[in-house]
Amino acid sequence: QVQLVESGGGLVQAGGSLRLSCAASGGIFSSYPMGWFRQGPGKEREFVAAITRRGTTPHYADSVNGRFTISRDNAKNTVSLQMNSLKSEDTAVYYCAAREYGSSGSMLIASGYAHWGQGTQVTVSP
């Protein structure tokens, strides 16, 4: 079973950038489509970005499209989220998630993912 550990969160001013990383272990990383989700204060967990097993097809939430970039390195068992032009509304705990290949349902919803990291806090100050 794959284990996921996020890193790279922190405090940044609005307009700044952060890069989140997620390191995977204990599974065949290249077999998992991967996603990033976030949960802001008082909000439900929401989809941010996802990427297919080979990294050829990314998907983004409308709220981050054009500002965030998801990528993966299957040789290093990592998936990253480059976040630019950050806004205060991007403040949240960010979670990395792995989806079992062949799972039913959409890549864009949390229930489609079987494995989760512990999360990393991103705080964007105005």
Foldseek 3Di string as FASTA:
>chain_A
DKAKAKDWADEAAAQAKTKMKIAIDDDQLLQWWKFKWWADVPGDIFGAKIAHSVRPDIDGDPVQPPFKDWGDDSVRRMIMIIGGRDDQVVWTWMKMFTAHPPFDDDPGDPVRTDYIYPTDTHGYHD
